[in-house]
Structure formats: C-alpha cells, structure tokens
Amino acid sequence: MKIAVLVSGGVDSAVALALLQQQGHMVVPYYLKIWLEDELAFLGECPWEEDLSHARAVCEKLGLELKVVSLQQAYKEKVIGYTIDEIKAGRTPNPDMLCNTFIKFGTFLDQCGQGFDKVATGHYAGIIEKEGKFWLQRTPDALKDQTYFLARLSQEQLSRSLFPLADVTKEQVRQLAESFDLPNKDRKDSQGLCFLGKIKFRDFISAHVGLKQGPLIEEETGKQWGLHDGFWFYTIGQRQGLKLAGGPWYVVKKDTITNTVFISKNYYDDTKSRDSFVISNIQGDLHRYSGKQIDVKLRHGEYMHRATVTLVEQNMMQVKLAERDQGIAAGQFAVFYDGRVCVGSGMIVKGV
C-alpha cells in the first residue's frame, strides 16, 4: 500500500514508520506543525523544533524524505477555539481527542490524504472490520491503549486509518526501536497536551481567558474559604491547586454566572451521587446496548467502569456506573467497550 505516516519525533511513530517500511509498503512520512509559535512564544520554549529534529533524524536513518505540513490555522480554529469556548462555558474539554478527529484524520486527510491508501500513526490501537463497519479495538498494553483518544473518528476516517502498533506493548516498541537502531530510541515519552509542549495548561488558559477573582464556597455550609482566579481553572473532582487548610477539599460544582467555585470535604460521602450522568452527541453503536451492561472509560488509562446505559432520547443516553467516580465532568467524553471493541462514545452533558 501507499501510506502517509504521521511522525511526531517520538519513538512510537518512529517504530510505526519503520515497521511499515520493513513490511514493504510505500511510506511517506509527514510532520504536522500545529504549534502556535506566534501566539504562544511568550509563554515558553517552542517544542516543535526539537520534535522536528528527531523526526528528521529518524527519516534520514530510514532513507526517507520527511514532508512538513503546517496545519496551524486549522488547529487554531477547530481545536484551540473549541477548547476556549468549552472552558468559558464551564465545561472540561479534551483537545487531544479533537486533534485526532479534526486535524490528523480530518484536515490532513482532506488536504494531503488523496492518493494514499491509508494514513498511519503511532497510536496504540487496533481496527477490525465487522458487519461492514470499522471498529477500534483495545491493544494488549492496557496502560498505553489510546482508543479513548480515537473514539470520535467516523467510519470514513477509520476506513482510511492504520495503526501498526495494534498488537504490541510499549516494552516491545522500545525493543523494536533498539533493533531498528532508531536515533530517538531512548527518547522519553511526551507528557501533556500535544500543542503546549512544556507550557502549563493553566498558563495557556490564563493567556486566553484571563483572571477574575471569585469566591470559594463550601457547598454544605455556604461559608467562604477563600478566593480563586476564575472558575475556568477548575474541573469537577479536582483536588490539587485549591491551597486550603483543613482538607482535603474537592471541587464539586461551578457557577459560571457568578464565577463561584463550590468545594467540599465530603466528596465521597454516601449522600453524594457520583455514579450517574447523561451523554449526548452519541457516536457508534451504543443504541443496541440500551438497558444492558457495558464497560466505559471516563478518561484515558486502563481503568474502566461497569455501567448500564439507557436510551433517553434519540441522541441522548443515561449512564449508571456500578461504582462512583471522582471526576464526572461535563464536556468530557465517555467511551464504551464490549470486551476489547470500542462500540461508541458520547459527550458528558450533566451528572445525575
């Protein structure tokens, strides 16, 4: 096949590229520049230059020419704009998930994907075809599995996607990088959001939304315990960053009109319902599971809840967890699994 391979400078995408080349495919490596250097340069160092140098070194080792594509404007409009709007509305966005949907398998596929059979990345995920549809499948490495971040891909996008690391673990990827003698074989995994690099997310929010003091109110008593710099810095279930004595304190509610953040020390109290929520913008095949039990992830990672989903309206479902969760936050995505297969996702709109 003729395959466009998205390389980031990290070891995962480098190994994916080397594997596809070894298998005899015609591979063309691409580096997507999404770093908003003009807008964010004053916040910290520009990480894309280091990433790009590693990507070039890998391609040189493999005898391939790296193509650099700037998708900064598309990223700014479709991901950054979405992130800021969600934060201002008091919700908790997931920029990395939208980057996959709108940029890597969206704008790039539309602009550069023509003429290629597939677009490949170094994500830890698999794809299977069943009953004429394409489905994501979890990988053997439960900790690294990234199907959560890919769960909003459409059928068209999945049909054009390829994930060479579908059946390997992170340890095996490191071993493969060593066997290929890749220049970045010992490079550490990146942390945080893909467009921020080493910049703190709080600094990014501050630069775009600003600061505005508001009260920290104990939910049960109405007592004010201090001040905060804006409700947009907090998410439901958050414990870190409150800097209050007598805790631990947790964020339990936000009032976006009055800029009030409500806190509590009784977050895990039996009277607090943290086990139900409603999702909308449903994607996939969730409707067939209405009234049944299914596994769900509320965030990236290996942990899954057992849950019952019930159809409320055509594009809205109620989710009842078998146990409570600390951070059920509006704006985040719930991703559902039947065994290893990802069968759908939806945006959390409210807790119950």
Protein backbone atom coordinates (compact mmCIF):
# COMPACT_ATOMS: atom_id res chain seq x y z
CA MET A 1 0.00 0.00 0.00
CA LYS A 2 0.94 3.64 -0.32
CA ILE A 3 0.76 5.02 3.21
CA ALA A 4 1.13 8.50 4.68
CA VAL A 5 2.72 8.12 8.12
CA LEU A 6 2.37 10.89 10.68
CA VAL A 7 5.57 11.16 12.71
CA SER A 8 5.89 13.30 15.82
CA GLY A 9 9.53 12.86 16.79
CA GLY A 10 8.58 10.30 19.42
CA VAL A 11 9.57 6.64 19.48
CA ASP A 12 6.06 5.27 18.87
CA SER A 13 5.51 6.92 15.48
CA ALA A 14 9.14 6.18 14.54
CA VAL A 15 8.65 2.47 15.15
CA ALA A 16 5.33 2.53 13.26
CA LEU A 17 7.13 4.08 10.28
CA ALA A 18 9.98 1.55 10.39
CA LEU A 19 7.59 -1.40 10.67
CA LEU A 20 5.57 -0.32 7.64
CA GLN A 21 8.72 0.23 5.61
CA GLN A 22 10.01 -3.20 6.66
CA GLN A 23 6.73 -4.76 5.52
CA GLY A 24 7.35 -3.42 2.02
CA HIS A 25 4.81 -0.60 1.90
CA MET A 26 5.50 2.66 0.08
CA VAL A 27 5.66 5.05 3.04
CA VAL A 28 5.77 8.84 3.01
CA PRO A 29 6.45 10.43 6.42
CA TYR A 30 4.74 13.69 7.39
CA TYR A 31 5.32 16.02 10.33
CA LEU A 32 2.29 18.14 11.23
CA LYS A 33 3.20 21.55 12.56
CA ILE A 34 0.42 22.72 14.85
CA TRP A 35 2.46 24.72 17.37
CA LEU A 36 1.10 28.27 17.53
CA GLU A 37 4.52 29.91 17.78
CA ASP A 38 3.37 33.49 17.20
CA GLU A 39 0.60 33.21 19.75
CA LEU A 40 2.32 31.16 22.46
CA ALA A 41 6.01 32.03 22.14
CA PHE A 42 5.83 34.44 25.07
CA LEU A 43 4.68 31.62 27.36
CA GLY A 44 7.69 29.37 26.92
CA GLU A 45 10.01 27.44 24.64
CA CYS A 46 8.91 26.30 21.21
CA PRO A 47 8.91 22.46 21.42
CA TRP A 48 8.19 21.69 17.77
CA GLU A 49 11.77 22.40 16.66
CA GLU A 50 13.16 19.65 18.90
CA ASP A 51 10.38 17.26 17.82
CA LEU A 52 11.03 18.03 14.16
CA SER A 53 14.77 17.42 14.53
CA HIS A 54 14.09 13.96 15.97
CA ALA A 55 11.60 13.22 13.19
CA ARG A 56 14.16 14.27 10.54
CA ALA A 57 16.85 12.09 12.13
CA VAL A 58 14.56 9.05 12.07
CA CYS A 59 13.63 9.61 8.42
CA GLU A 60 17.27 10.10 7.46
CA LYS A 61 18.14 6.82 9.17
CA LEU A 62 15.42 5.05 7.17
CA GLY A 63 16.34 6.78 3.91
CA LEU A 64 13.05 8.67 3.66
CA GLU A 65 12.25 12.30 2.90
CA LEU A 66 10.17 13.98 5.60
CA LYS A 67 7.41 16.32 4.48
CA VAL A 68 6.41 19.15 6.84
CA VAL A 69 2.81 20.36 6.68
CA SER A 70 1.59 23.43 8.56
CA LEU A 71 -1.91 22.96 9.95
CA GLN A 72 -1.65 25.77 12.48
CA GLN A 73 -4.63 27.75 11.25
CA ALA A 74 -6.89 24.71 11.14
CA TYR A 75 -5.73 23.71 14.62
CA LYS A 76 -6.36 27.18 15.95
CA GLU A 77 -9.89 27.25 14.55
CA LYS A 78 -11.02 23.68 15.21
CA VAL A 79 -9.19 22.71 18.40
CA ILE A 80 -8.00 25.83 20.22
CA GLY A 81 -11.24 27.66 19.52
CA TYR A 82 -13.27 24.70 20.76
CA THR A 83 -11.12 24.38 23.89
CA ILE A 84 -11.52 28.04 24.85
CA ASP A 85 -15.27 28.04 24.18
CA GLU A 86 -15.76 24.94 26.34
CA ILE A 87 -13.68 26.39 29.19
CA LYS A 88 -15.65 29.64 29.12
CA ALA A 89 -18.88 27.63 29.29
CA GLY A 90 -17.66 25.88 32.43
CA ARG A 91 -17.07 22.52 30.78
CA THR A 92 -13.92 20.38 30.67
CA PRO A 93 -12.70 19.91 27.09
CA ASN A 94 -10.44 17.23 25.63
CA PRO A 95 -8.24 18.90 22.97
CA ASP A 96 -6.22 15.79 22.13
CA MET A 97 -9.36 13.87 21.18
CA LEU A 98 -10.47 16.69 18.88
CA CYS A 99 -6.97 16.90 17.37
CA ASN A 100 -7.28 13.32 16.14
CA THR A 101 -10.79 13.85 14.77
CA PHE A 102 -10.38 17.27 13.15
CA ILE A 103 -6.67 17.51 12.34
CA LYS A 104 -4.77 14.23 11.97
CA PHE A 105 -7.64 12.30 10.41
CA GLY A 106 -9.57 15.39 9.34
CA THR A 107 -7.81 18.35 7.75
CA PHE A 108 -4.67 16.35 6.94
CA LEU A 109 -6.69 13.56 5.34
CA ASP A 110 -8.63 16.11 3.26
CA GLN A 111 -5.59 18.13 2.19
CA CYS A 112 -2.87 15.50 1.82
CA GLY A 113 -4.51 12.10 2.08
CA GLN A 114 -5.62 11.84 -1.53
CA GLY A 115 -3.54 9.31 -3.39
CA PHE A 116 -2.77 7.32 -0.24
CA ASP A 117 -4.42 4.04 0.69
CA LYS A 118 -4.07 4.72 4.40
CA VAL A 119 -2.92 7.29 6.96
CA ALA A 120 -0.90 5.67 9.75
CA THR A 121 0.12 6.90 13.20
CA GLY A 122 1.92 5.52 16.24
CA HIS A 123 -1.24 5.26 18.34
CA TYR A 124 -1.70 2.17 20.48
CA ALA A 125 -4.95 0.98 18.93
CA GLY A 126 -6.30 -1.61 16.55
CA ILE A 127 -9.02 -1.59 13.88
CA ILE A 128 -11.26 -4.52 12.96
CA GLU A 129 -13.93 -4.79 10.29
CA LYS A 130 -17.20 -6.42 11.33
CA GLU A 131 -20.61 -6.46 9.68
CA GLY A 132 -19.44 -3.95 7.09
CA LYS A 133 -18.28 -1.43 9.71
CA PHE A 134 -14.91 -0.50 11.19
CA TRP A 135 -14.33 -0.65 14.93
CA LEU A 136 -11.50 0.36 17.21
CA GLN A 137 -10.02 -2.41 19.32
CA ARG A 138 -8.01 -2.10 22.52
CA THR A 139 -4.36 -3.15 22.45
CA PRO A 140 -2.57 -5.68 24.71
CA ASP A 141 -0.95 -2.80 26.63
CA ALA A 142 -3.89 -1.65 28.74
CA LEU A 143 -1.95 1.23 30.27
CA LYS A 144 -0.85 2.68 26.92
CA ASP A 145 -4.00 1.86 24.94
CA GLN A 146 -5.16 5.03 23.13
CA THR A 147 -8.53 4.00 21.75
CA TYR A 148 -10.08 6.54 24.13
CA PHE A 149 -8.45 9.41 22.19
CA LEU A 150 -9.57 7.95 18.85
CA ALA A 151 -13.17 7.18 19.77
CA ARG A 152 -14.66 10.14 17.85
CA LEU A 153 -13.32 9.02 14.47
CA SER A 154 -16.02 8.47 11.86
CA GLN A 155 -16.48 5.34 9.77
CA GLU A 156 -14.85 7.10 6.81
CA GLN A 157 -11.87 8.10 8.94
CA LEU A 158 -11.48 4.61 10.43
CA SER A 159 -11.61 3.05 6.97
CA ARG A 160 -8.60 5.17 5.95
CA SER A 161 -6.64 4.72 9.20
CA LEU A 162 -3.87 2.28 10.06
CA PHE A 163 -2.26 1.65 13.46
CA PRO A 164 0.86 -0.54 13.17
CA LEU A 165 1.23 -0.79 16.97
CA ALA A 166 -2.11 -2.58 17.36
CA ASP A 167 -0.62 -5.77 18.77
CA VAL A 168 2.46 -4.60 20.65
CA THR A 169 3.22 -3.26 24.11
CA LYS A 170 5.30 -0.23 25.00
CA GLU A 171 8.12 -2.52 26.11
CA GLN A 172 8.08 -4.24 22.72
CA VAL A 173 8.10 -0.85 20.96
CA ARG A 174 11.28 0.07 22.84
CA GLN A 175 12.81 -3.25 21.82
CA LEU A 176 11.85 -2.66 18.18
CA ALA A 177 13.33 0.84 18.30
CA GLU A 178 16.57 -0.72 19.55
CA SER A 179 16.54 -3.38 16.81
CA PHE A 180 15.97 -0.71 14.13
CA ASP A 181 18.67 1.42 15.82
CA LEU A 182 16.45 4.49 15.59
CA PRO A 183 18.07 7.79 16.63
CA ASN A 184 15.28 8.52 19.13
CA LYS A 185 15.16 5.01 20.63
CA ASP A 186 15.94 6.33 24.12
CA ARG A 187 13.77 9.46 23.95
CA LYS A 188 11.28 9.76 26.82
CA ASP A 189 7.55 9.84 26.15
CA SER A 190 6.00 13.30 25.92
CA GLN A 191 3.52 14.40 28.55
CA GLY A 192 0.62 16.83 28.44
CA LEU A 193 -1.36 18.29 25.55
CA CYS A 194 0.17 17.93 22.13
CA PHE A 195 0.20 21.63 21.22
CA LEU A 196 1.52 23.00 24.53
CA GLY A 197 4.82 21.19 24.89
CA LYS A 198 6.30 22.26 28.23
CA ILE A 199 3.83 25.10 28.74
CA LYS A 200 1.42 24.60 31.64
CA PHE A 201 -2.25 24.33 30.68
CA ARG A 202 -3.10 26.89 33.40
CA ASP A 203 -0.79 29.45 31.76
CA PHE A 204 -2.42 28.77 28.41
CA ILE A 205 -5.90 29.31 29.86
CA SER A 206 -4.78 32.47 31.65
CA ALA A 207 -3.37 33.91 28.41
CA HIS A 208 -6.65 33.32 26.55
CA VAL A 209 -9.34 33.80 29.21
CA GLY A 210 -7.61 35.97 31.81
CA LEU A 211 -8.00 36.21 35.57
CA LYS A 212 -11.10 37.15 37.56
CA GLN A 213 -11.40 36.64 41.29
CA GLY A 214 -14.37 34.80 42.70
CA PRO A 215 -15.31 33.06 45.96
CA LEU A 216 -14.52 29.51 47.06
CA ILE A 217 -17.70 28.42 48.83
CA GLU A 218 -18.23 25.31 50.97
CA GLU A 219 -21.24 23.62 49.43
CA GLU A 220 -22.79 22.33 52.66
CA THR A 221 -22.47 25.48 54.79
CA GLY A 222 -22.21 28.38 52.35
CA LYS A 223 -19.05 29.51 54.14
CA GLN A 224 -16.45 31.29 52.02
CA TRP A 225 -13.00 29.79 52.45
CA GLY A 226 -11.03 31.93 50.08
CA LEU A 227 -10.77 33.32 46.57
CA HIS A 228 -9.91 31.84 43.19
CA ASP A 229 -8.74 33.40 39.89
CA GLY A 230 -11.59 32.16 37.69
CA PHE A 231 -13.92 29.16 37.56
CA TRP A 232 -12.32 28.17 34.22
CA PHE A 233 -9.22 26.91 36.04
CA TYR A 234 -11.19 24.16 37.83
CA THR A 235 -12.91 20.92 36.92
CA ILE A 236 -15.30 18.72 38.88
CA GLY A 237 -13.47 16.36 41.23
CA GLN A 238 -10.32 18.47 41.26
CA ARG A 239 -8.30 18.35 44.46
CA GLN A 240 -4.96 19.88 43.53
CA GLY A 241 -4.44 23.63 43.45
CA LEU A 242 -7.08 24.72 45.97
CA LYS A 243 -4.43 25.55 48.61
CA LEU A 244 -6.84 25.45 51.55
CA ALA A 245 -6.20 24.20 55.07
CA GLY A 246 -8.27 21.53 56.79
CA GLY A 247 -8.81 19.41 53.68
CA PRO A 248 -8.67 17.51 51.51
CA TRP A 249 -11.04 19.76 49.58
CA TYR A 250 -12.64 18.88 46.24
CA VAL A 251 -14.35 20.96 43.58
CA VAL A 252 -17.98 19.79 43.42
CA LYS A 253 -19.76 22.48 41.38
CA LYS A 254 -19.18 25.70 39.42
CA ASP A 255 -21.47 28.66 38.83
CA THR A 256 -20.38 30.31 35.59
CA ILE A 257 -22.73 33.28 36.06
CA THR A 258 -21.44 34.36 39.46
CA ASN A 259 -17.91 32.96 38.98
CA THR A 260 -18.31 30.82 42.11
CA VAL A 261 -16.47 27.57 42.76
CA PHE A 262 -18.14 25.25 45.28
CA ILE A 263 -15.94 22.96 47.33
CA SER A 264 -16.48 20.14 49.80
CA LYS A 265 -14.59 17.84 52.13
CA ASN A 266 -17.34 15.23 51.80
CA TYR A 267 -16.80 14.37 48.16
CA TYR A 268 -17.03 10.63 48.83
CA ASP A 269 -19.93 10.87 51.27
CA ASP A 270 -22.66 8.30 50.65
CA THR A 271 -25.21 11.09 50.15
CA LYS A 272 -23.27 12.39 47.15
CA SER A 273 -24.27 10.84 43.84
CA ARG A 274 -21.19 10.43 41.65
CA ASP A 275 -22.34 7.41 39.70
CA SER A 276 -24.72 8.68 37.01
CA PHE A 277 -24.55 11.06 34.07
CA VAL A 278 -26.14 11.81 30.72
CA ILE A 279 -24.33 11.78 27.37
CA SER A 280 -25.26 13.39 24.07
CA ASN A 281 -23.61 13.61 20.62
CA ILE A 282 -23.55 9.83 20.60
CA GLN A 283 -21.34 8.16 18.04
CA GLY A 284 -21.09 4.47 17.25
CA ASP A 285 -23.47 1.62 18.04
CA LEU A 286 -24.48 2.39 21.63
CA HIS A 287 -28.23 2.28 21.00
CA ARG A 288 -28.19 -1.51 20.71
CA TYR A 289 -26.88 -1.71 24.28
CA SER A 290 -29.76 0.22 25.85
CA GLY A 291 -30.77 -1.49 29.08
CA LYS A 292 -27.63 -3.61 29.09
CA GLN A 293 -24.31 -3.56 30.92
CA ILE A 294 -21.17 -2.38 29.20
CA ASP A 295 -17.68 -1.11 30.08
CA VAL A 296 -16.90 2.60 29.97
CA LYS A 297 -13.81 4.80 30.25
CA LEU A 298 -14.26 8.35 31.52
CA ARG A 299 -10.66 9.27 30.75
CA HIS A 300 -7.52 7.86 29.16
CA GLY A 301 -5.97 4.99 31.10
CA GLU A 302 -6.51 1.34 31.85
CA TYR A 303 -9.37 1.73 34.34
CA MET A 304 -12.91 1.01 33.15
CA HIS A 305 -16.23 1.16 34.96
CA ARG A 306 -19.00 -1.38 34.55
CA ALA A 307 -22.12 0.56 33.62
CA THR A 308 -25.71 0.29 32.40
CA VAL A 309 -26.74 2.55 29.52
CA THR A 310 -30.34 3.56 28.85
CA LEU A 311 -31.68 5.42 25.84
CA VAL A 312 -33.40 8.64 26.93
CA GLU A 313 -33.85 10.34 23.58
CA GLN A 314 -32.66 9.61 20.05
CA ASN A 315 -29.20 11.05 20.65
CA MET A 316 -29.08 11.02 24.46
CA MET A 317 -28.42 8.24 26.94
CA GLN A 318 -28.23 7.90 30.70
CA VAL A 319 -25.24 6.06 32.13
CA LYS A 320 -25.36 4.40 35.55
CA LEU A 321 -21.98 3.30 36.91
CA ALA A 322 -21.59 0.26 39.14
CA GLU A 323 -19.49 2.43 41.45
CA ARG A 324 -18.83 6.13 41.89
CA ASP A 325 -16.18 8.12 40.07
CA GLN A 326 -14.29 11.17 41.32
CA GLY A 327 -14.39 13.24 38.15
CA ILE A 328 -17.59 13.13 36.11
CA ALA A 329 -17.23 16.45 34.29
CA ALA A 330 -19.46 17.98 31.63
CA GLY A 331 -17.59 18.37 28.34
CA GLN A 332 -15.51 15.24 28.76
CA PHE A 333 -16.16 12.13 26.69
CA ALA A 334 -17.32 8.72 27.86
CA VAL A 335 -16.04 5.88 25.66
CA PHE A 336 -17.74 2.48 25.72
CA TYR A 337 -16.40 -1.03 25.16
CA ASP A 338 -17.81 -4.50 24.57
CA GLY A 339 -14.82 -6.61 25.50
CA ARG A 340 -11.88 -5.22 23.54
CA VAL A 341 -14.03 -3.49 20.93
CA CYS A 342 -14.87 0.20 21.23
CA VAL A 343 -18.57 0.42 20.35
CA GLY A 344 -19.26 4.12 20.81
CA SER A 345 -18.78 7.37 22.66
CA GLY A 346 -20.68 10.40 23.84
CA MET A 347 -20.11 13.78 25.45
CA ILE A 348 -20.99 14.10 29.13
CA VAL A 349 -23.60 16.86 29.41
CA LYS A 350 -24.62 16.57 33.04
CA GLY A 351 -24.39 14.44 36.15
CA VAL A 352 -27.47 12.95 37.79
